[in-house]
Full PDB file with SEQRES, HELIX, SHEET, SSBOND, CRYST1, ORIGX, SCALE, CONECT and MASTER records, all heavy atoms in Angstrom:
SEQRES   1 A   35  GLN GLN LYS VAL ALA LYS ARG MET ILE ASP ALA GLY ALA          
SEQRES   2 A   35  ASP LEU ILE ILE GLY THR HIS PRO HIS VAL VAL GLN ALA          
SEQRES   3 A   35  SER GLU TYR TYR LYS GLY LYS TYR ILE                          
HELIX    1 AA1 GLN A    2  ALA A   11  1                                  10    
SHEET    1 AA1 2 TYR A  29  TYR A  30  0                                        
SHEET    2 AA1 2 LYS A  33  TYR A  34 -1                                        
CRYST1    1.000    1.000    1.000  90.00  90.00  90.00 P 1           1          
ORIGX1      1.000000  0.000000  0.000000        0.00000                         
ORIGX2      0.000000  1.000000  0.000000        0.00000                         
ORIGX3      0.000000  0.000000  1.000000        0.00000                         
SCALE1      1.000000  0.000000  0.000000        0.00000                         
SCALE2      0.000000  1.000000  0.000000        0.00000                         
SCALE3      0.000000  0.000000  1.000000        0.00000                         
ATOM      1  N   GLN A   1     268.036 179.812 266.026  1.00  0.00           N  
ATOM      2  CA  GLN A   1     267.916 181.066 266.764  1.00  0.00           C  
ATOM      3  C   GLN A   1     269.089 181.233 267.735  1.00  0.00           C  
ATOM      4  O   GLN A   1     269.712 182.302 267.805  1.00  0.00           O  
ATOM      5  CB  GLN A   1     266.610 181.097 267.558  1.00  0.00           C  
ATOM      6  CG  GLN A   1     265.350 181.315 266.748  1.00  0.00           C  
ATOM      7  CD  GLN A   1     264.111 181.178 267.622  1.00  0.00           C  
ATOM      8  OE1 GLN A   1     263.578 180.081 267.780  1.00  0.00           O  
ATOM      9  NE2 GLN A   1     263.670 182.267 268.212  1.00  0.00           N  
ATOM     10  N   GLN A   2     269.374 180.176 268.478  1.00  0.00           N  
ATOM     11  CA  GLN A   2     270.439 180.256 269.484  1.00  0.00           C  
ATOM     12  C   GLN A   2     271.798 180.481 268.838  1.00  0.00           C  
ATOM     13  O   GLN A   2     272.604 181.283 269.319  1.00  0.00           O  
ATOM     14  CB  GLN A   2     270.446 178.978 270.321  1.00  0.00           C  
ATOM     15  CG  GLN A   2     269.205 178.850 271.200  1.00  0.00           C  
ATOM     16  CD  GLN A   2     269.153 177.528 271.928  1.00  0.00           C  
ATOM     17  OE1 GLN A   2     269.170 176.459 271.319  1.00  0.00           O  
ATOM     18  NE2 GLN A   2     269.097 177.572 273.248  1.00  0.00           N  
ATOM     19  N   LYS A   3     272.048 179.782 267.756  1.00  0.00           N  
ATOM     20  CA  LYS A   3     273.330 179.924 267.061  1.00  0.00           C  
ATOM     21  C   LYS A   3     273.497 181.334 266.506  1.00  0.00           C  
ATOM     22  O   LYS A   3     274.540 181.978 266.689  1.00  0.00           O  
ATOM     23  CB  LYS A   3     273.405 178.892 265.927  1.00  0.00           C  
ATOM     24  CG  LYS A   3     274.661 179.000 265.063  1.00  0.00           C  
ATOM     25  CD  LYS A   3     274.598 178.021 263.891  1.00  0.00           C  
ATOM     26  CE  LYS A   3     273.568 178.445 262.858  1.00  0.00           C  
ATOM     27  NZ  LYS A   3     273.546 177.554 261.678  1.00  0.00           N  
ATOM     28  N   VAL A   4     272.463 181.843 265.839  1.00  0.00           N  
ATOM     29  CA  VAL A   4     272.555 183.159 265.196  1.00  0.00           C  
ATOM     30  C   VAL A   4     272.578 184.269 266.246  1.00  0.00           C  
ATOM     31  O   VAL A   4     273.261 185.277 266.076  1.00  0.00           O  
ATOM     32  CB  VAL A   4     271.413 183.355 264.177  1.00  0.00           C  
ATOM     33  CG1 VAL A   4     271.393 184.766 263.631  1.00  0.00           C  
ATOM     34  CG2 VAL A   4     271.567 182.354 263.026  1.00  0.00           C  
ATOM     35  N   ALA A   5     271.848 184.100 267.348  1.00  0.00           N  
ATOM     36  CA  ALA A   5     271.880 185.101 268.417  1.00  0.00           C  
ATOM     37  C   ALA A   5     273.299 185.292 268.936  1.00  0.00           C  
ATOM     38  O   ALA A   5     273.764 186.427 269.128  1.00  0.00           O  
ATOM     39  CB  ALA A   5     270.951 184.675 269.550  1.00  0.00           C  
ATOM     40  N   LYS A   6     274.004 184.199 269.142  1.00  0.00           N  
ATOM     41  CA  LYS A   6     275.387 184.282 269.633  1.00  0.00           C  
ATOM     42  C   LYS A   6     276.291 184.938 268.589  1.00  0.00           C  
ATOM     43  O   LYS A   6     277.179 185.734 268.931  1.00  0.00           O  
ATOM     44  CB  LYS A   6     275.898 182.890 270.003  1.00  0.00           C  
ATOM     45  CG  LYS A   6     275.223 182.319 271.243  1.00  0.00           C  
ATOM     46  CD  LYS A   6     275.730 180.916 271.538  1.00  0.00           C  
ATOM     47  CE  LYS A   6     275.189 180.387 272.872  1.00  0.00           C  
ATOM     48  NZ  LYS A   6     273.729 180.216 272.878  1.00  0.00           N  
ATOM     49  N   ARG A   7     276.058 184.625 267.322  1.00  0.00           N  
ATOM     50  CA  ARG A   7     276.861 185.254 266.271  1.00  0.00           C  
ATOM     51  C   ARG A   7     276.585 186.763 266.198  1.00  0.00           C  
ATOM     52  O   ARG A   7     277.490 187.550 265.915  1.00  0.00           O  
ATOM     53  CB  ARG A   7     276.593 184.576 264.921  1.00  0.00           C  
ATOM     54  CG  ARG A   7     277.199 183.192 264.846  1.00  0.00           C  
ATOM     55  CD  ARG A   7     276.996 182.511 263.519  1.00  0.00           C  
ATOM     56  NE  ARG A   7     277.618 183.209 262.399  1.00  0.00           N  
ATOM     57  CZ  ARG A   7     277.728 182.711 261.172  1.00  0.00           C  
ATOM     58  NH1 ARG A   7     277.265 181.493 260.913  1.00  0.00           N  
ATOM     59  NH2 ARG A   7     278.306 183.399 260.212  1.00  0.00           N  
ATOM     60  N   MET A   8     275.355 187.165 266.448  1.00  0.00           N  
ATOM     61  CA  MET A   8     275.041 188.601 266.489  1.00  0.00           C  
ATOM     62  C   MET A   8     275.850 189.291 267.577  1.00  0.00           C  
ATOM     63  O   MET A   8     276.423 190.368 267.359  1.00  0.00           O  
ATOM     64  CB  MET A   8     273.553 188.809 266.757  1.00  0.00           C  
ATOM     65  CG  MET A   8     272.613 188.443 265.630  1.00  0.00           C  
ATOM     66  SD  MET A   8     270.906 188.803 266.163  1.00  0.00           S  
ATOM     67  CE  MET A   8     269.973 187.871 264.950  1.00  0.00           C  
ATOM     68  N   ILE A   9     275.884 188.688 268.756  1.00  0.00           N  
ATOM     69  CA  ILE A   9     276.625 189.290 269.860  1.00  0.00           C  
ATOM     70  C   ILE A   9     278.118 189.277 269.580  1.00  0.00           C  
ATOM     71  O   ILE A   9     278.828 190.260 269.830  1.00  0.00           O  
ATOM     72  CB  ILE A   9     276.275 188.577 271.178  1.00  0.00           C  
ATOM     73  CG1 ILE A   9     274.862 189.004 271.592  1.00  0.00           C  
ATOM     74  CG2 ILE A   9     277.288 188.900 272.279  1.00  0.00           C  
ATOM     75  CD1 ILE A   9     274.292 188.274 272.755  1.00  0.00           C  
ATOM     76  N   ASP A  10     278.618 188.196 269.011  1.00  0.00           N  
ATOM     77  CA  ASP A  10     280.037 188.146 268.638  1.00  0.00           C  
ATOM     78  C   ASP A  10     280.376 189.236 267.623  1.00  0.00           C  
ATOM     79  O   ASP A  10     281.502 189.744 267.593  1.00  0.00           O  
ATOM     80  CB  ASP A  10     280.380 186.774 268.059  1.00  0.00           C  
ATOM     81  CG  ASP A  10     280.359 185.668 269.104  1.00  0.00           C  
ATOM     82  OD1 ASP A  10     280.440 185.984 270.311  1.00  0.00           O  
ATOM     83  OD2 ASP A  10     280.233 184.483 268.718  1.00  0.00           O  
ATOM     84  N   ALA A  11     279.402 189.621 266.808  1.00  0.00           N  
ATOM     85  CA  ALA A  11     279.622 190.664 265.799  1.00  0.00           C  
ATOM     86  C   ALA A  11     279.528 192.068 266.381  1.00  0.00           C  
ATOM     87  O   ALA A  11     279.922 193.038 265.723  1.00  0.00           O  
ATOM     88  CB  ALA A  11     278.616 190.510 264.665  1.00  0.00           C  
ATOM     89  N   GLY A  12     278.995 192.190 267.621  1.00  0.00           N  
ATOM     90  CA  GLY A  12     278.947 193.508 268.249  1.00  0.00           C  
ATOM     91  C   GLY A  12     277.597 193.937 268.776  1.00  0.00           C  
ATOM     92  O   GLY A  12     277.466 195.046 269.311  1.00  0.00           O  
ATOM     93  N   ALA A  13     276.559 193.088 268.653  1.00  0.00           N  
ATOM     94  CA  ALA A  13     275.242 193.450 269.188  1.00  0.00           C  
ATOM     95  C   ALA A  13     275.300 193.503 270.715  1.00  0.00           C  
ATOM     96  O   ALA A  13     275.977 192.699 271.351  1.00  0.00           O  
ATOM     97  CB  ALA A  13     274.186 192.448 268.732  1.00  0.00           C  
ATOM     98  N   ASP A  14     274.569 194.454 271.299  1.00  0.00           N  
ATOM     99  CA  ASP A  14     274.552 194.629 272.749  1.00  0.00           C  
ATOM    100  C   ASP A  14     273.291 194.084 273.398  1.00  0.00           C  
ATOM    101  O   ASP A  14     273.273 193.827 274.605  1.00  0.00           O  
ATOM    102  CB  ASP A  14     274.679 196.121 273.081  1.00  0.00           C  
ATOM    103  CG  ASP A  14     276.005 196.689 272.619  1.00  0.00           C  
ATOM    104  OD1 ASP A  14     277.017 196.399 273.273  1.00  0.00           O  
ATOM    105  OD2 ASP A  14     276.036 197.396 271.595  1.00  0.00           O  
ATOM    106  N   LEU A  15     272.230 193.922 272.630  1.00  0.00           N  
ATOM    107  CA  LEU A  15     270.960 193.437 273.156  1.00  0.00           C  
ATOM    108  C   LEU A  15     270.164 192.858 271.995  1.00  0.00           C  
ATOM    109  O   LEU A  15     270.121 193.461 270.915  1.00  0.00           O  
ATOM    110  CB  LEU A  15     270.182 194.589 273.808  1.00  0.00           C  
ATOM    111  CG  LEU A  15     268.751 194.328 274.261  1.00  0.00           C  
ATOM    112  CD1 LEU A  15     268.714 193.279 275.372  1.00  0.00           C  
ATOM    113  CD2 LEU A  15     268.087 195.620 274.746  1.00  0.00           C  
ATOM    114  N   ILE A  16     269.527 191.690 272.218  1.00  0.00           N  
ATOM    115  CA  ILE A  16     268.710 191.063 271.176  1.00  0.00           C  
ATOM    116  C   ILE A  16     267.293 190.894 271.704  1.00  0.00           C  
ATOM    117  O   ILE A  16     267.082 190.328 272.775  1.00  0.00           O  
ATOM    118  CB  ILE A  16     269.301 189.705 270.754  1.00  0.00           C  
ATOM    119  CG1 ILE A  16     270.681 189.932 270.113  1.00  0.00           C  
ATOM    120  CG2 ILE A  16     268.375 188.988 269.772  1.00  0.00           C  
ATOM    121  CD1 ILE A  16     271.459 188.676 269.868  1.00  0.00           C  
ATOM    122  N   ILE A  17     266.331 191.409 270.921  1.00  0.00           N  
ATOM    123  CA  ILE A  17     264.924 191.388 271.316  1.00  0.00           C  
ATOM    124  C   ILE A  17     264.136 190.652 270.234  1.00  0.00           C  
ATOM    125  O   ILE A  17     263.861 191.198 269.170  1.00  0.00           O  
ATOM    126  CB  ILE A  17     264.378 192.820 271.480  1.00  0.00           C  
ATOM    127  CG1 ILE A  17     265.185 193.575 272.544  1.00  0.00           C  
ATOM    128  CG2 ILE A  17     262.901 192.792 271.841  1.00  0.00           C  
ATOM    129  CD1 ILE A  17     264.887 195.060 272.596  1.00  0.00           C  
ATOM    130  N   GLY A  18     263.794 189.383 270.487  1.00  0.00           N  
ATOM    131  CA  GLY A  18     263.103 188.565 269.496  1.00  0.00           C  
ATOM    132  C   GLY A  18     261.590 188.700 269.565  1.00  0.00           C  
ATOM    133  O   GLY A  18     261.013 188.996 270.606  1.00  0.00           O  
ATOM    134  N   THR A  19     260.946 188.480 268.406  1.00  0.00           N  
ATOM    135  CA  THR A  19     259.485 188.471 268.316  1.00  0.00           C  
ATOM    136  C   THR A  19     259.040 187.364 267.354  1.00  0.00           C  
ATOM    137  O   THR A  19     259.857 186.757 266.683  1.00  0.00           O  
ATOM    138  CB  THR A  19     258.937 189.833 267.810  1.00  0.00           C  
ATOM    139  OG1 THR A  19     259.471 190.106 266.496  1.00  0.00           O  
ATOM    140  CG2 THR A  19     259.325 190.976 268.733  1.00  0.00           C  
ATOM    141  N   HIS A  20     257.722 187.117 267.311  1.00  0.00           N  
ATOM    142  CA  HIS A  20     256.997 186.261 266.380  1.00  0.00           C  
ATOM    143  C   HIS A  20     256.284 185.054 266.989  1.00  0.00           C  
ATOM    144  O   HIS A  20     255.132 184.796 266.621  1.00  0.00           O  
ATOM    145  CB  HIS A  20     257.826 185.754 265.200  1.00  0.00           C  
ATOM    146  CG  HIS A  20     257.073 184.747 264.382  1.00  0.00           C  
ATOM    147  ND1 HIS A  20     255.949 185.088 263.641  1.00  0.00           N  
ATOM    148  CD2 HIS A  20     257.215 183.390 264.220  1.00  0.00           C  
ATOM    149  CE1 HIS A  20     255.464 184.000 263.047  1.00  0.00           C  
ATOM    150  NE2 HIS A  20     256.197 182.963 263.385  1.00  0.00           N  
ATOM    151  N   PRO A  21     256.879 184.260 267.886  1.00  0.00           N  
ATOM    152  CA  PRO A  21     256.223 183.003 268.279  1.00  0.00           C  
ATOM    153  C   PRO A  21     254.867 183.158 268.980  1.00  0.00           C  
ATOM    154  O   PRO A  21     254.184 182.158 269.199  1.00  0.00           O  
ATOM    155  CB  PRO A  21     257.266 182.349 269.200  1.00  0.00           C  
ATOM    156  CG  PRO A  21     258.577 182.860 268.693  1.00  0.00           C  
ATOM    157  CD  PRO A  21     258.282 184.286 268.353  1.00  0.00           C  
ATOM    158  N   HIS A  22     254.467 184.366 269.353  1.00  0.00           N  
ATOM    159  CA  HIS A  22     253.178 184.636 270.011  1.00  0.00           C  
ATOM    160  C   HIS A  22     253.079 184.051 271.409  1.00  0.00           C  
ATOM    161  O   HIS A  22     252.012 184.053 272.020  1.00  0.00           O  
ATOM    162  CB  HIS A  22     251.992 184.185 269.146  1.00  0.00           C  
ATOM    163  CG  HIS A  22     251.933 184.895 267.825  1.00  0.00           C  
ATOM    164  ND1 HIS A  22     251.727 186.252 267.710  1.00  0.00           N  
ATOM    165  CD2 HIS A  22     252.081 184.421 266.564  1.00  0.00           C  
ATOM    166  CE1 HIS A  22     251.737 186.583 266.428  1.00  0.00           C  
ATOM    167  NE2 HIS A  22     251.964 185.504 265.717  1.00  0.00           N  
ATOM    168  N   VAL A  23     254.179 183.541 271.905  1.00  0.00           N  
ATOM    169  CA  VAL A  23     254.323 183.168 273.314  1.00  0.00           C  
ATOM    170  C   VAL A  23     255.708 183.651 273.755  1.00  0.00           C  
ATOM    171  O   VAL A  23     256.582 183.912 272.919  1.00  0.00           O  
ATOM    172  CB  VAL A  23     254.205 181.642 273.547  1.00  0.00           C  
ATOM    173  CG1 VAL A  23     252.817 181.139 273.166  1.00  0.00           C  
ATOM    174  CG2 VAL A  23     255.288 180.883 272.776  1.00  0.00           C  
ATOM    175  N   VAL A  24     255.884 183.781 275.046  1.00  0.00           N  
ATOM    176  CA  VAL A  24     257.183 184.195 275.563  1.00  0.00           C  
ATOM    177  C   VAL A  24     258.152 183.028 275.478  1.00  0.00           C  
ATOM    178  O   VAL A  24     257.827 181.909 275.866  1.00  0.00           O  
ATOM    179  CB  VAL A  24     257.060 184.675 277.020  1.00  0.00           C  
ATOM    180  CG1 VAL A  24     258.417 185.120 277.544  1.00  0.00           C  
ATOM    181  CG2 VAL A  24     256.053 185.813 277.130  1.00  0.00           C  
ATOM    182  N   GLN A  25     259.338 183.295 274.953  1.00  0.00           N  
ATOM    183  CA  GLN A  25     260.374 182.266 274.902  1.00  0.00           C  
ATOM    184  C   GLN A  25     261.484 182.571 275.906  1.00  0.00           C  
ATOM    185  O   GLN A  25     261.401 183.520 276.676  1.00  0.00           O  
ATOM    186  CB  GLN A  25     260.952 182.160 273.485  1.00  0.00           C  
ATOM    187  CG  GLN A  25     260.008 181.505 272.492  1.00  0.00           C  
ATOM    188  CD  GLN A  25     260.687 181.152 271.174  1.00  0.00           C  
ATOM    189  OE1 GLN A  25     261.666 181.778 270.757  1.00  0.00           O  
ATOM    190  NE2 GLN A  25     260.154 180.148 270.495  1.00  0.00           N  
ATOM    191  N   ALA A  26     262.520 181.753 275.864  1.00  0.00           N  
ATOM    192  CA  ALA A  26     263.627 181.832 276.817  1.00  0.00           C  
ATOM    193  C   ALA A  26     264.378 183.152 276.730  1.00  0.00           C  
ATOM    194  O   ALA A  26     264.353 183.860 275.723  1.00  0.00           O  
ATOM    195  CB  ALA A  26     264.591 180.681 276.546  1.00  0.00           C  
ATOM    196  N   SER A  27     265.094 183.442 277.826  1.00  0.00           N  
ATOM    197  CA  SER A  27     266.119 184.472 277.833  1.00  0.00           C  
ATOM    198  C   SER A  27     267.474 183.772 277.942  1.00  0.00           C  
ATOM    199  O   SER A  27     267.558 182.630 278.397  1.00  0.00           O  
ATOM    200  CB  SER A  27     265.924 185.427 279.001  1.00  0.00           C  
ATOM    201  OG  SER A  27     264.725 186.160 278.862  1.00  0.00           O  
ATOM    202  N   GLU A  28     268.512 184.478 277.542  1.00  0.00           N  
ATOM    203  CA  GLU A  28     269.858 183.918 277.645  1.00  0.00           C  
ATOM    204  C   GLU A  28     270.835 185.040 277.935  1.00  0.00           C  
ATOM    205  O   GLU A  28     270.684 186.165 277.448  1.00  0.00           O  
ATOM    206  CB  GLU A  28     270.247 183.198 276.351  1.00  0.00           C  
ATOM    207  CG  GLU A  28     271.574 182.481 276.429  1.00  0.00           C  
ATOM    208  CD  GLU A  28     271.844 181.551 275.259  1.00  0.00           C  
ATOM    209  OE1 GLU A  28     270.983 181.450 274.358  1.00  0.00           O  
ATOM    210  OE2 GLU A  28     272.907 180.917 275.238  1.00  0.00           O  
ATOM    211  N   TYR A  29     271.829 184.725 278.751  1.00  0.00           N  
ATOM    212  CA  TYR A  29     272.911 185.670 279.053  1.00  0.00           C  
ATOM    213  C   TYR A  29     274.177 185.102 278.443  1.00  0.00           C  
ATOM    214  O   TYR A  29     274.611 184.007 278.784  1.00  0.00           O  
ATOM    215  CB  TYR A  29     273.055 185.840 280.562  1.00  0.00           C  
ATOM    216  CG  TYR A  29     274.072 186.876 280.974  1.00  0.00           C  
ATOM    217  CD1 TYR A  29     273.845 188.229 280.746  1.00  0.00           C  
ATOM    218  CD2 TYR A  29     275.248 186.499 281.615  1.00  0.00           C  
ATOM    219  CE1 TYR A  29     274.780 189.185 281.133  1.00  0.00           C  
ATOM    220  CE2 TYR A  29     276.184 187.441 282.012  1.00  0.00           C  
ATOM    221  CZ  TYR A  29     275.938 188.781 281.772  1.00  0.00           C  
ATOM    222  OH  TYR A  29     276.867 189.728 282.158  1.00  0.00           O  
ATOM    223  N   TYR A  30     274.774 185.860 277.527  1.00  0.00           N  
ATOM    224  CA  TYR A  30     275.916 185.345 276.760  1.00  0.00           C  
ATOM    225  C   TYR A  30     276.959 186.445 276.607  1.00  0.00           C  
ATOM    226  O   TYR A  30     276.675 187.527 276.089  1.00  0.00           O  
ATOM    227  CB  TYR A  30     275.432 184.867 275.389  1.00  0.00           C  
ATOM    228  CG  TYR A  30     276.527 184.483 274.419  1.00  0.00           C  
ATOM    229  CD1 TYR A  30     277.257 183.306 274.585  1.00  0.00           C  
ATOM    230  CD2 TYR A  30     276.826 185.292 273.324  1.00  0.00           C  
ATOM    231  CE1 TYR A  30     278.267 182.963 273.689  1.00  0.00           C  
ATOM    232  CE2 TYR A  30     277.819 184.943 272.414  1.00  0.00           C  
ATOM    233  CZ  TYR A  30     278.545 183.776 272.610  1.00  0.00           C  
ATOM    234  OH  TYR A  30     279.536 183.433 271.717  1.00  0.00           O  
ATOM    235  N   LYS A  31     278.156 186.185 277.096  1.00  0.00           N  
ATOM    236  CA  LYS A  31     279.282 187.118 277.001  1.00  0.00           C  
ATOM    237  C   LYS A  31     278.908 188.522 277.491  1.00  0.00           C  
ATOM    238  O   LYS A  31     279.260 189.531 276.883  1.00  0.00           O  
ATOM    239  CB  LYS A  31     279.816 187.173 275.567  1.00  0.00           C  
ATOM    240  CG  LYS A  31     280.509 185.896 275.128  1.00  0.00           C  
ATOM    241  CD  LYS A  31     281.190 186.065 273.768  1.00  0.00           C  
ATOM    242  CE  LYS A  31     281.956 184.802 273.390  1.00  0.00           C  
ATOM    243  NZ  LYS A  31     282.609 184.933 272.054  1.00  0.00           N  
ATOM    244  N   GLY A  32     278.178 188.571 278.598  1.00  0.00           N  
ATOM    245  CA  GLY A  32     277.832 189.855 279.188  1.00  0.00           C  
ATOM    246  C   GLY A  32     276.662 190.554 278.532  1.00  0.00           C  
ATOM    247  O   GLY A  32     276.334 191.690 278.896  1.00  0.00           O  
ATOM    248  N   LYS A  33     275.993 189.896 277.581  1.00  0.00           N  
ATOM    249  CA  LYS A  33     274.883 190.515 276.845  1.00  0.00           C  
ATOM    250  C   LYS A  33     273.592 189.725 277.070  1.00  0.00           C  
ATOM    251  O   LYS A  33     273.613 188.524 277.302  1.00  0.00           O  
ATOM    252  CB  LYS A  33     275.191 190.577 275.347  1.00  0.00           C  
ATOM    253  CG  LYS A  33     276.541 191.200 275.001  1.00  0.00           C  
ATOM    254  CD  LYS A  33     276.650 192.654 275.403  1.00  0.00           C  
ATOM    255  CE  LYS A  33     278.009 193.241 275.002  1.00  0.00           C  
ATOM    256  NZ  LYS A  33     278.148 194.645 275.396  1.00  0.00           N  
ATOM    257  N   TYR A  34     272.480 190.418 276.925  1.00  0.00           N  
ATOM    258  CA  TYR A  34     271.170 189.839 277.209  1.00  0.00           C  
ATOM    259  C   TYR A  34     270.432 189.525 275.909  1.00  0.00           C  
ATOM    260  O   TYR A  34     270.377 190.349 274.991  1.00  0.00           O  
ATOM    261  CB  TYR A  34     270.344 190.820 278.044  1.00  0.00           C  
ATOM    262  CG  TYR A  34     269.079 190.239 278.628  1.00  0.00           C  
ATOM    263  CD1 TYR A  34     269.068 189.693 279.901  1.00  0.00           C  
ATOM    264  CD2 TYR A  34     267.891 190.224 277.900  1.00  0.00           C  
ATOM    265  CE1 TYR A  34     267.912 189.147 280.452  1.00  0.00           C  
ATOM    266  CE2 TYR A  34     266.732 189.680 278.435  1.00  0.00           C  
ATOM    267  CZ  TYR A  34     266.753 189.155 279.710  1.00  0.00           C  
ATOM    268  OH  TYR A  34     265.610 188.615 280.239  1.00  0.00           O  
ATOM    269  N   ILE A  35     269.843 188.331 275.860  1.00  0.00           N  
ATOM    270  CA  ILE A  35     269.037 187.892 274.716  1.00  0.00           C  
ATOM    271  C   ILE A  35     267.653 187.512 275.223  1.00  0.00           C  
ATOM    272  O   ILE A  35     267.534 186.748 276.180  1.00  0.00           O  
ATOM    273  CB  ILE A  35     269.655 186.652 274.028  1.00  0.00           C  
ATOM    274  CG1 ILE A  35     271.092 186.920 273.586  1.00  0.00           C  
ATOM    275  CG2 ILE A  35     268.790 186.206 272.837  1.00  0.00           C  
ATOM    276  CD1 ILE A  35     271.883 185.641 273.279  1.00  0.00           C  
TER     277      ILE A  35                                                      
MASTER        0    0    0    1    2    0    0    6  276    1    0    3          
END                                                                             
């Protein structure tokens, strides 16, 4: 998840909103973008 999230932002994504685990997971700030 962490590796692909960073690749998404490197490709041009501005915000990543994950779902599925049924609990709240971490947030991350990477290259000025929020995950």
